[in-house]
C-alpha atoms as a PDB file:
ATOM      1  CA  UNK A   1       0.000   0.000   0.000  1.00  0.00           C
ATOM      2  CA  UNK A   2       1.604   3.217  -1.207  1.00  0.00           C
ATOM      3  CA  UNK A   3       1.683   6.601   0.402  1.00  0.00           C
ATOM      4  CA  UNK A   4      -0.952   9.258  -0.018  1.00  0.00           C
ATOM      5  CA  UNK A   5       1.141  11.265  -2.500  1.00  0.00           C
ATOM      6  CA  UNK A   6       1.710   8.183  -4.643  1.00  0.00           C
ATOM      7  CA  UNK A   7      -2.012   7.383  -4.637  1.00  0.00           C
ATOM      8  CA  UNK A   8      -2.900  10.918  -5.692  1.00  0.00           C
ATOM      9  CA  UNK A   9      -0.343  10.812  -8.502  1.00  0.00           C
ATOM     10  CA  UNK A  10      -1.693   7.464  -9.701  1.00  0.00           C
ATOM     11  CA  UNK A  11      -5.284   8.776  -9.639  1.00  0.00           C
ATOM     12  CA  UNK A  12      -4.320  11.831 -11.672  1.00  0.00           C
ATOM     13  CA  UNK A  13      -2.479   9.661 -14.174  1.00  0.00           C
ATOM     14  CA  UNK A  14      -5.519   7.393 -14.525  1.00  0.00           C
ATOM     15  CA  UNK A  15      -7.726  10.455 -15.118  1.00  0.00           C
ATOM     16  CA  UNK A  16      -5.332  11.706 -17.805  1.00  0.00           C
ATOM     17  CA  UNK A  17      -5.350   8.291 -19.434  1.00  0.00           C
ATOM     18  CA  UNK A  18      -9.146   8.126 -19.381  1.00  0.00           C
ATOM     19  CA  UNK A  19      -9.355  11.654 -20.770  1.00  0.00           C
ATOM     20  CA  UNK A  20      -6.902  10.805 -23.537  1.00  0.00           C
ATOM     21  CA  UNK A  21      -8.878   7.613 -24.403  1.00  0.00           C
ATOM     22  CA  UNK A  22     -12.122   9.599 -24.460  1.00  0.00           C
ATOM     23  CA  UNK A  23     -10.554  12.245 -26.745  1.00  0.00           C
ATOM     24  CA  UNK A  24      -9.249   9.582 -29.096  1.00  0.00           C
ATOM     25  CA  UNK A  25     -12.627   7.912 -29.148  1.00  0.00           C
ATOM     26  CA  UNK A  26     -14.353  11.192 -29.935  1.00  0.00           C
ATOM     27  CA  UNK A  27     -11.876  11.987 -32.725  1.00  0.00           C
ATOM     28  CA  UNK A  28     -12.375   8.594 -34.224  1.00  0.00           C
ATOM     29  CA  UNK A  29     -16.175   8.983 -34.221  1.00  0.00           C
ATOM     30  CA  UNK A  30     -17.281  12.499 -35.367  1.00  0.00           C
ATOM     31  CA  UNK A  31     -20.953  11.728 -34.577  1.00  0.00           C
ATOM     32  CA  UNK A  32     -20.206  11.130 -30.939  1.00  0.00           C
ATOM     33  CA  UNK A  33     -18.063  14.325 -30.976  1.00  0.00           C
ATOM     34  CA  UNK A  34     -20.956  16.394 -32.237  1.00  0.00           C
ATOM     35  CA  UNK A  35     -23.333  14.763 -29.796  1.00  0.00           C
ATOM     36  CA  UNK A  36     -20.909  15.445 -26.959  1.00  0.00           C
ATOM     37  CA  UNK A  37     -20.434  19.076 -28.014  1.00  0.00           C
ATOM     38  CA  UNK A  38     -24.172  19.643 -28.324  1.00  0.00           C
ATOM     39  CA  UNK A  39     -24.738  17.995 -24.946  1.00  0.00           C
ATOM     40  CA  UNK A  40     -22.059  20.149 -23.305  1.00  0.00           C
ATOM     41  CA  UNK A  41     -23.343  23.255 -25.087  1.00  0.00           C
ATOM     42  CA  UNK A  42     -26.839  22.570 -23.819  1.00  0.00           C
ATOM     43  CA  UNK A  43     -25.598  21.957 -20.281  1.00  0.00           C
ATOM     44  CA  UNK A  44     -23.521  25.143 -20.423  1.00  0.00           C
ATOM     45  CA  UNK A  45     -26.491  27.101 -21.763  1.00  0.00           C
ATOM     46  CA  UNK A  46     -28.784  25.702 -19.097  1.00  0.00           C
ATOM     47  CA  UNK A  47     -26.188  26.493 -16.389  1.00  0.00           C
ATOM     48  CA  UNK A  48     -25.682  30.065 -17.635  1.00  0.00           C
ATOM     49  CA  UNK A  49     -29.419  30.601 -18.024  1.00  0.00           C
ATOM     50  CA  UNK A  50     -30.036  29.176 -14.555  1.00  0.00           C
ATOM     51  CA  UNK A  51     -27.352  31.418 -13.047  1.00  0.00           C
ATOM     52  CA  UNK A  52     -28.738  34.468 -14.862  1.00  0.00           C
ATOM     53  CA  UNK A  53     -32.240  33.562 -13.769  1.00  0.00           C
ATOM     54  CA  UNK A  54     -31.083  33.141 -10.170  1.00  0.00           C
ATOM     55  CA  UNK A  55     -29.180  36.446 -10.321  1.00  0.00           C
ATOM     56  CA  UNK A  56     -32.181  38.203 -11.814  1.00  0.00           C
ATOM     57  CA  UNK A  57     -34.436  36.685  -9.171  1.00  0.00           C
ATOM     58  CA  UNK A  58     -32.042  37.780  -6.430  1.00  0.00           C
ATOM     59  CA  UNK A  59     -31.750  41.317  -7.852  1.00  0.00           C
ATOM     60  CA  UNK A  60     -35.511  41.541  -8.314  1.00  0.00           C
ATOM     61  CA  UNK A  61     -36.066  40.329  -4.764  1.00  0.00           C
ATOM     62  CA  UNK A  62     -33.567  42.891  -3.454  1.00  0.00           C
ATOM     63  CA  UNK A  63     -35.317  45.583  -5.499  1.00  0.00           C
ATOM     64  CA  UNK A  64     -38.692  44.530  -4.167  1.00  0.00           C
ATOM     65  CA  UNK A  65     -37.430  44.515  -0.586  1.00  0.00           C
ATOM     66  CA  UNK A  66     -35.804  47.941  -1.104  1.00  0.00           C
ATOM     67  CA  UNK A  67     -39.102  49.209  -2.549  1.00  0.00           C
ATOM     68  CA  UNK A  68     -41.003  47.832   0.429  1.00  0.00           C
ATOM     69  CA  UNK A  69     -38.511  49.462   2.783  1.00  0.00           C
ATOM     70  CA  UNK A  70     -38.917  52.793   0.970  1.00  0.00           C
ATOM     71  CA  UNK A  71     -42.695  52.469   1.145  1.00  0.00           C
ATOM     72  CA  UNK A  72     -42.522  51.699   4.871  1.00  0.00           C
ATOM     73  CA  UNK A  73     -40.251  54.708   5.403  1.00  0.00           C
ATOM     74  CA  UNK A  74     -42.719  56.885   3.489  1.00  0.00           C
ATOM     75  CA  UNK A  75     -45.584  55.480   5.564  1.00  0.00           C
ATOM     76  CA  UNK A  76     -43.618  56.237   8.747  1.00  0.00           C
ATOM     77  CA  UNK A  77     -42.946  59.770   7.478  1.00  0.00           C
ATOM     78  CA  UNK A  78     -46.616  60.332   6.719  1.00  0.00           C
ATOM     79  CA  UNK A  79     -47.588  58.902  10.108  1.00  0.00           C
ATOM     80  CA  UNK A  80     -45.061  61.072  11.931  1.00  0.00           C
ATOM     81  CA  UNK A  81     -46.293  64.087   9.986  1.00  0.00           C
ATOM     82  CA  UNK A  82     -49.869  63.287  10.999  1.00  0.00           C
ATOM     83  CA  UNK A  83     -48.827  62.911  14.638  1.00  0.00           C
ATOM     84  CA  UNK A  84     -46.870  66.181  14.440  1.00  0.00           C
ATOM     85  CA  UNK A  85     -49.935  67.927  12.975  1.00  0.00           C
ATOM     86  CA  UNK A  86     -52.124  66.493  15.735  1.00  0.00           C
ATOM     87  CA  UNK A  87     -49.655  67.648  18.367  1.00  0.00           C
ATOM     88  CA  UNK A  88     -49.374  71.085  16.773  1.00  0.00           C
ATOM     89  CA  UNK A  89     -53.143  71.325  16.692  1.00  0.00           C
ATOM     90  CA  UNK A  90     -53.276  70.443  20.388  1.00  0.00           C
ATOM     91  CA  UNK A  91     -50.584  73.018  21.173  1.00  0.00           C
ATOM     92  CA  UNK A  92     -52.338  75.666  19.085  1.00  0.00           C
ATOM     93  CA  UNK A  93     -55.639  74.892  20.773  1.00  0.00           C
ATOM     94  CA  UNK A  94     -54.060  75.073  24.228  1.00  0.00           C
ATOM     95  CA  UNK A  95     -52.338  78.351  23.320  1.00  0.00           C
ATOM     96  CA  UNK A  96     -55.590  79.769  21.969  1.00  0.00           C
ATOM     97  CA  UNK A  97     -57.437  78.756  25.137  1.00  0.00           C
ATOM     98  CA  UNK A  98     -54.648  80.217  27.286  1.00  0.00           C
ATOM     99  CA  UNK A  99     -54.805  83.517  25.393  1.00  0.00           C
ATOM    100  CA  UNK A 100     -58.577  83.575  25.729  1.00  0.00           C
ATOM    101  CA  UNK A 101     -58.329  82.798  29.436  1.00  0.00           C
ATOM    102  CA  UNK A 102     -55.773  85.560  29.919  1.00  0.00           C
ATOM    103  CA  UNK A 103     -57.903  87.982  27.920  1.00  0.00           C
ATOM    104  CA  UNK A 104     -61.020  87.046  29.891  1.00  0.00           C
ATOM    105  CA  UNK A 105     -59.079  87.386  33.142  1.00  0.00           C
ATOM    106  CA  UNK A 106     -57.886  90.859  32.189  1.00  0.00           C
ATOM    107  CA  UNK A 107     -61.385  91.853  31.108  1.00  0.00           C
ATOM    108  CA  UNK A 108     -62.882  90.504  34.325  1.00  0.00           C
ATOM    109  CA  UNK A 109     -60.278  92.328  36.413  1.00  0.00           C
ATOM    110  CA  UNK A 110     -60.824  95.571  34.526  1.00  0.00           C
ATOM    111  CA  UNK A 111     -64.590  95.157  34.804  1.00  0.00           C
ATOM    112  CA  UNK A 112     -64.199  94.657  38.544  1.00  0.00           C
ATOM    113  CA  UNK A 113     -62.146  97.865  38.744  1.00  0.00           C
ATOM    114  CA  UNK A 114     -64.771  99.736  36.705  1.00  0.00           C
ATOM    115  CA  UNK A 115     -67.593  98.401  38.887  1.00  0.00           C
ATOM    116  CA  UNK A 116     -65.704  99.309  42.049  1.00  0.00           C
ATOM    117  CA  UNK A 117     -64.965 102.800  40.732  1.00  0.00           C
ATOM    118  CA  UNK A 118     -68.598 103.295  39.688  1.00  0.00           C
ATOM    119  CA  UNK A 119     -69.890 102.119  43.057  1.00  0.00           C
ATOM    120  CA  UNK A 120     -67.423 104.350  44.911  1.00  0.00           C
ATOM    121  CA  UNK A 121     -68.275 107.331  42.713  1.00  0.00           C
ATOM    122  CA  UNK A 122     -71.973 106.830  43.347  1.00  0.00           C
ATOM    123  CA  UNK A 123     -71.327 106.548  47.061  1.00  0.00           C
ATOM    124  CA  UNK A 124     -69.316 109.772  46.943  1.00  0.00           C
ATOM    125  CA  UNK A 125     -72.142 111.475  45.021  1.00  0.00           C
ATOM    126  CA  UNK A 126     -74.590 110.247  47.644  1.00  0.00           C
ATOM    127  CA  UNK A 127     -72.331 111.697  50.329  1.00  0.00           C
ATOM    128  CA  UNK A 128     -72.389 115.106  48.597  1.00  0.00           C
ATOM    129  CA  UNK A 129     -76.179 114.962  48.301  1.00  0.00           C
ATOM    130  CA  UNK A 130     -76.368 114.080  51.992  1.00  0.00           C
ATOM    131  CA  UNK A 131     -74.274 117.145  52.785  1.00  0.00           C
ATOM    132  CA  UNK A 132     -76.714 119.341  50.848  1.00  0.00           C
ATOM    133  CA  UNK A 133     -79.625 117.642  52.595  1.00  0.00           C
ATOM    134  CA  UNK A 134     -78.019 118.347  55.979  1.00  0.00           C
ATOM    135  CA  UNK A 135     -77.404 121.956  54.921  1.00  0.00           C
ATOM    136  CA  UNK A 136     -81.012 122.519  53.900  1.00  0.00           C
ATOM    137  CA  UNK A 137     -82.260 120.657  56.963  1.00  0.00           C
ATOM    138  CA  UNK A 138     -80.299 122.947  59.264  1.00  0.00           C
ATOM    139  CA  UNK A 139     -80.950 126.107  57.265  1.00  0.00           C
ATOM    140  CA  UNK A 140     -84.731 125.739  56.978  1.00  0.00           C
ATOM    141  CA  UNK A 141     -85.497 125.988  60.756  1.00  0.00           C
ATOM    142  CA  UNK A 142     -83.046 128.865  61.121  1.00  0.00           C
ATOM    143  CA  UNK A 143     -84.670 130.686  58.201  1.00  0.00           C
ATOM    144  CA  UNK A 144     -88.120 130.146  59.770  1.00  0.00           C
ATOM    145  CA  UNK A 145     -86.829 131.413  63.115  1.00  0.00           C
ATOM    146  CA  UNK A 146     -85.273 134.434  61.410  1.00  0.00           C
ATOM    147  CA  UNK A 147     -88.503 135.297  59.606  1.00  0.00           C
ATOM    148  CA  UNK A 148     -90.439 134.824  62.844  1.00  0.00           C
ATOM    149  CA  UNK A 149     -88.079 137.179  64.686  1.00  0.00           C
ATOM    150  CA  UNK A 150     -86.905 134.471  67.083  1.00  0.00           C
ATOM    151  CA  UNK A 151     -83.196 134.852  66.274  1.00  0.00           C
ATOM    152  CA  UNK A 152     -81.169 137.779  65.022  1.00  0.00           C
ATOM    153  CA  UNK A 153     -79.779 137.854  61.529  1.00  0.00           C
ATOM    154  CA  UNK A 154     -76.190 137.634  62.797  1.00  0.00           C
ATOM    155  CA  UNK A 155     -76.860 134.211  64.290  1.00  0.00           C
ATOM    156  CA  UNK A 156     -78.541 133.010  61.092  1.00  0.00           C
ATOM    157  CA  UNK A 157     -75.783 134.215  58.795  1.00  0.00           C
ATOM    158  CA  UNK A 158     -73.051 133.004  61.173  1.00  0.00           C
ATOM    159  CA  UNK A 159     -74.426 129.475  61.440  1.00  0.00           C
ATOM    160  CA  UNK A 160     -75.312 129.151  57.764  1.00  0.00           C
ATOM    161  CA  UNK A 161     -71.971 130.680  56.739  1.00  0.00           C
ATOM    162  CA  UNK A 162     -70.075 128.247  58.960  1.00  0.00           C
ATOM    163  CA  UNK A 163     -72.003 125.276  57.547  1.00  0.00           C
ATOM    164  CA  UNK A 164     -71.544 126.557  53.988  1.00  0.00           C
ATOM    165  CA  UNK A 165     -67.787 126.950  54.474  1.00  0.00           C
ATOM    166  CA  UNK A 166     -67.546 123.451  55.957  1.00  0.00           C
ATOM    167  CA  UNK A 167     -69.489 121.955  53.039  1.00  0.00           C
ATOM    168  CA  UNK A 168     -67.450 123.871  50.427  1.00  0.00           C
ATOM    169  CA  UNK A 169     -64.147 122.808  52.032  1.00  0.00           C
ATOM    170  CA  UNK A 170     -65.360 119.197  52.174  1.00  0.00           C
ATOM    171  CA  UNK A 171     -66.283 119.275  48.487  1.00  0.00           C
ATOM    172  CA  UNK A 172     -62.918 120.823  47.548  1.00  0.00           C
ATOM    173  CA  UNK A 173     -61.024 118.206  49.553  1.00  0.00           C
ATOM    174  CA  UNK A 174     -63.031 115.365  48.015  1.00  0.00           C
ATOM    175  CA  UNK A 175     -62.521 116.719  44.483  1.00  0.00           C
ATOM    176  CA  UNK A 176     -58.820 117.283  45.075  1.00  0.00           C
ATOM    177  CA  UNK A 177     -58.386 113.752  46.420  1.00  0.00           C
ATOM    178  CA  UNK A 178     -60.328 112.140  43.562  1.00  0.00           C
ATOM    179  CA  UNK A 179     -58.625 114.070  40.749  1.00  0.00           C
ATOM    180  CA  UNK A 180     -55.075 114.198  42.110  1.00  0.00           C
ATOM    181  CA  UNK A 181     -54.495 111.438  44.651  1.00  0.00           C
ATOM    182  CA  UNK A 182     -56.970 108.641  44.004  1.00  0.00           C
ATOM    183  CA  UNK A 183     -55.783 105.778  41.782  1.00  0.00           C
ATOM    184  CA  UNK A 184     -57.235 105.639  38.263  1.00  0.00           C
ATOM    185  CA  UNK A 185     -58.006 101.921  38.433  1.00  0.00           C
ATOM    186  CA  UNK A 186     -58.966 101.107  42.018  1.00  0.00           C
ATOM    187  CA  UNK A 187     -61.210 103.367  44.062  1.00  0.00           C
ATOM    188  CA  UNK A 188     -59.701 102.320  47.401  1.00  0.00           C
ATOM    189  CA  UNK A 189     -56.088 102.757  46.281  1.00  0.00           C
ATOM    190  CA  UNK A 190     -54.066 105.900  46.586  1.00  0.00           C
ATOM    191  CA  UNK A 191     -51.289 107.201  44.364  1.00  0.00           C
ATOM    192  CA  UNK A 192     -48.057 108.260  46.023  1.00  0.00           C
ATOM    193  CA  UNK A 193     -45.352 110.559  44.741  1.00  0.00           C
ATOM    194  CA  UNK A 194     -42.338 108.963  43.087  1.00  0.00           C
ATOM    195  CA  UNK A 195     -39.655 108.358  45.662  1.00  0.00           C
ATOM    196  CA  UNK A 196     -36.072 109.335  44.885  1.00  0.00           C
ATOM    197  CA  UNK A 197     -32.985 107.334  45.757  1.00  0.00           C
ATOM    198  CA  UNK A 198     -32.178 106.889  49.447  1.00  0.00           C
ATOM    199  CA  UNK A 199     -30.128 109.657  51.000  1.00  0.00           C
ATOM    200  CA  UNK A 200     -26.713 108.482  52.088  1.00  0.00           C
ATOM    201  CA  UNK A 201     -25.688 109.623  55.577  1.00  0.00           C
ATOM    202  CA  UNK A 202     -22.934 112.196  55.774  1.00  0.00           C
ATOM    203  CA  UNK A 203     -21.043 111.609  59.038  1.00  0.00           C
ATOM    204  CA  UNK A 204     -17.687 113.408  59.040  1.00  0.00           C
ATOM    205  CA  UNK A 205     -17.346 112.864  62.805  1.00  0.00           C
ATOM    206  CA  UNK A 206     -17.462 109.093  62.387  1.00  0.00           C
ATOM    207  CA  UNK A 207     -14.989 109.293  59.507  1.00  0.00           C
ATOM    208  CA  UNK A 208     -12.619 111.362  61.661  1.00  0.00           C
ATOM    209  CA  UNK A 209     -12.879 108.904  64.533  1.00  0.00           C
ATOM    210  CA  UNK A 210     -12.080 105.999  62.233  1.00  0.00           C
ATOM    211  CA  UNK A 211      -9.108 107.888  60.747  1.00  0.00           C
ATOM    212  CA  UNK A 212      -7.786 108.763  64.236  1.00  0.00           C
ATOM    213  CA  UNK A 213      -8.170 105.161  65.343  1.00  0.00           C
ATOM    214  CA  UNK A 214      -6.241 103.895  62.320  1.00  0.00           C
ATOM    215  CA  UNK A 215      -3.511 106.501  62.857  1.00  0.00           C
ATOM    216  CA  UNK A 216      -3.164 105.622  66.560  1.00  0.00           C
ATOM    217  CA  UNK A 217      -3.068 101.945  65.707  1.00  0.00           C
ATOM    218  CA  UNK A 218      -0.300 102.470  63.152  1.00  0.00           C
ATOM    219  CA  UNK A 219       1.692 104.550  65.678  1.00  0.00           C
ATOM    220  CA  UNK A 220       1.266 101.870  68.334  1.00  0.00           C
ATOM    221  CA  UNK A 221       2.469  99.186  65.934  1.00  0.00           C
ATOM    222  CA  UNK A 222       5.492 101.312  64.968  1.00  0.00           C
ATOM    223  CA  UNK A 223       6.364 101.900  68.662  1.00  0.00           C
ATOM    224  CA  UNK A 224       6.063  98.189  69.389  1.00  0.00           C
ATOM    225  CA  UNK A 225       8.334  97.329  66.458  1.00  0.00           C
ATOM    226  CA  UNK A 226      10.939  99.914  67.636  1.00  0.00           C
ATOM    227  CA  UNK A 227      10.836  98.594  71.211  1.00  0.00           C
ATOM    228  CA  UNK A 228      11.201  95.015  70.006  1.00  0.00           C
ATOM    229  CA  UNK A 229      14.208  95.975  67.862  1.00  0.00           C
ATOM    230  CA  UNK A 230      15.884  97.803  70.774  1.00  0.00           C
ATOM    231  CA  UNK A 231      15.266  94.876  73.099  1.00  0.00           C
ATOM    232  CA  UNK A 232      16.718  92.457  70.570  1.00  0.00           C
ATOM    233  CA  UNK A 233      19.863  94.598  70.107  1.00  0.00           C
ATOM    234  CA  UNK A 234      20.331  94.879  73.903  1.00  0.00           C
ATOM    235  CA  UNK A 235      19.964  91.118  74.302  1.00  0.00           C
ATOM    236  CA  UNK A 236      22.490  90.513  71.560  1.00  0.00           C
ATOM    237  CA  UNK A 237      24.966  92.931  73.183  1.00  0.00           C
ATOM    238  CA  UNK A 238      24.490  91.260  76.557  1.00  0.00           C
ATOM    239  CA  UNK A 239      25.016  87.818  75.094  1.00  0.00           C
ATOM    240  CA  UNK A 240      28.171  89.009  73.304  1.00  0.00           C
ATOM    241  CA  UNK A 241      29.603  90.470  76.534  1.00  0.00           C
ATOM    242  CA  UNK A 242      28.812  87.289  78.450  1.00  0.00           C
ATOM    243  CA  UNK A 243      30.503  85.214  75.760  1.00  0.00           C
ATOM    244  CA  UNK A 244      33.634  87.366  75.899  1.00  0.00           C
ATOM    245  CA  UNK A 245      33.742  87.139  79.693  1.00  0.00           C
ATOM    246  CA  UNK A 246      33.303  83.383  79.562  1.00  0.00           C
ATOM    247  CA  UNK A 247      36.083  83.080  76.983  1.00  0.00           C
ATOM    248  CA  UNK A 248      38.422  85.271  79.062  1.00  0.00           C
ATOM    249  CA  UNK A 249      37.745  83.178  82.161  1.00  0.00           C
ATOM    250  CA  UNK A 250      38.469  79.984  80.330  1.00  0.00           C
ATOM    251  CA  UNK A 251      41.705  81.429  78.943  1.00  0.00           C
ATOM    252  CA  UNK A 252      42.957  82.483  82.471  1.00  0.00           C
ATOM    253  CA  UNK A 253      42.441  79.047  84.062  1.00  0.00           C
ATOM    254  CA  UNK A 254      43.913  77.045  81.229  1.00  0.00           C
ATOM    255  CA  UNK A 255      47.337  75.204  82.022  1.00  0.00           C
ATOM    256  CA  UNK A 256      50.544  76.700  80.613  1.00  0.00           C
END
């Protein structure tokens, strides 16, 4: 039993021999050669046609799948656009309702201010009419007493003049307050003058005290630094003298 390489070589040689025998046989018989060529041509044509058909089927399938994907993407786009339109409609509706609510709120607030102003103005008018009613109520008995000779004319004119002055001053004050001081929107609110910026305090005495304190502090620090320097120089001089004395004493007791 030969090796694997020897067996392969023998098999290839046998195939070459068989191929050579088949070629010789076909050359010797032209009919078989034509039949063989037609058979191979037909097989080759069928193979090429099958491969082209498979390729066309694959390409057509890919095209169909790509078309379906494009259609799905378009459907998704249309759906998203519809959802966006629905959301925009909801937002627009909410914005419209919010604007209407704000407008109605402002109208209701302004109507409340108008109603309050109208009611206050009518009450003020009623107050003025009550003043005139009080004036005529007090003046009528005095006028009857004057005509009857019960009181002198000085008393009548004094009392009626005092009441008239009081009523006129009251009307002037009320008109002045309504036209100048009362708020234009709310009857019970008052307008105040525009306030200026706050006045900064001007305290030169405090500034002088702070400056004197800083100056005294700086002088104290300078004096302390000078005293510390003098003390340090004195200590150094004392230590130098003590060292010299100690050295002299050691030198005098040393052996010759």
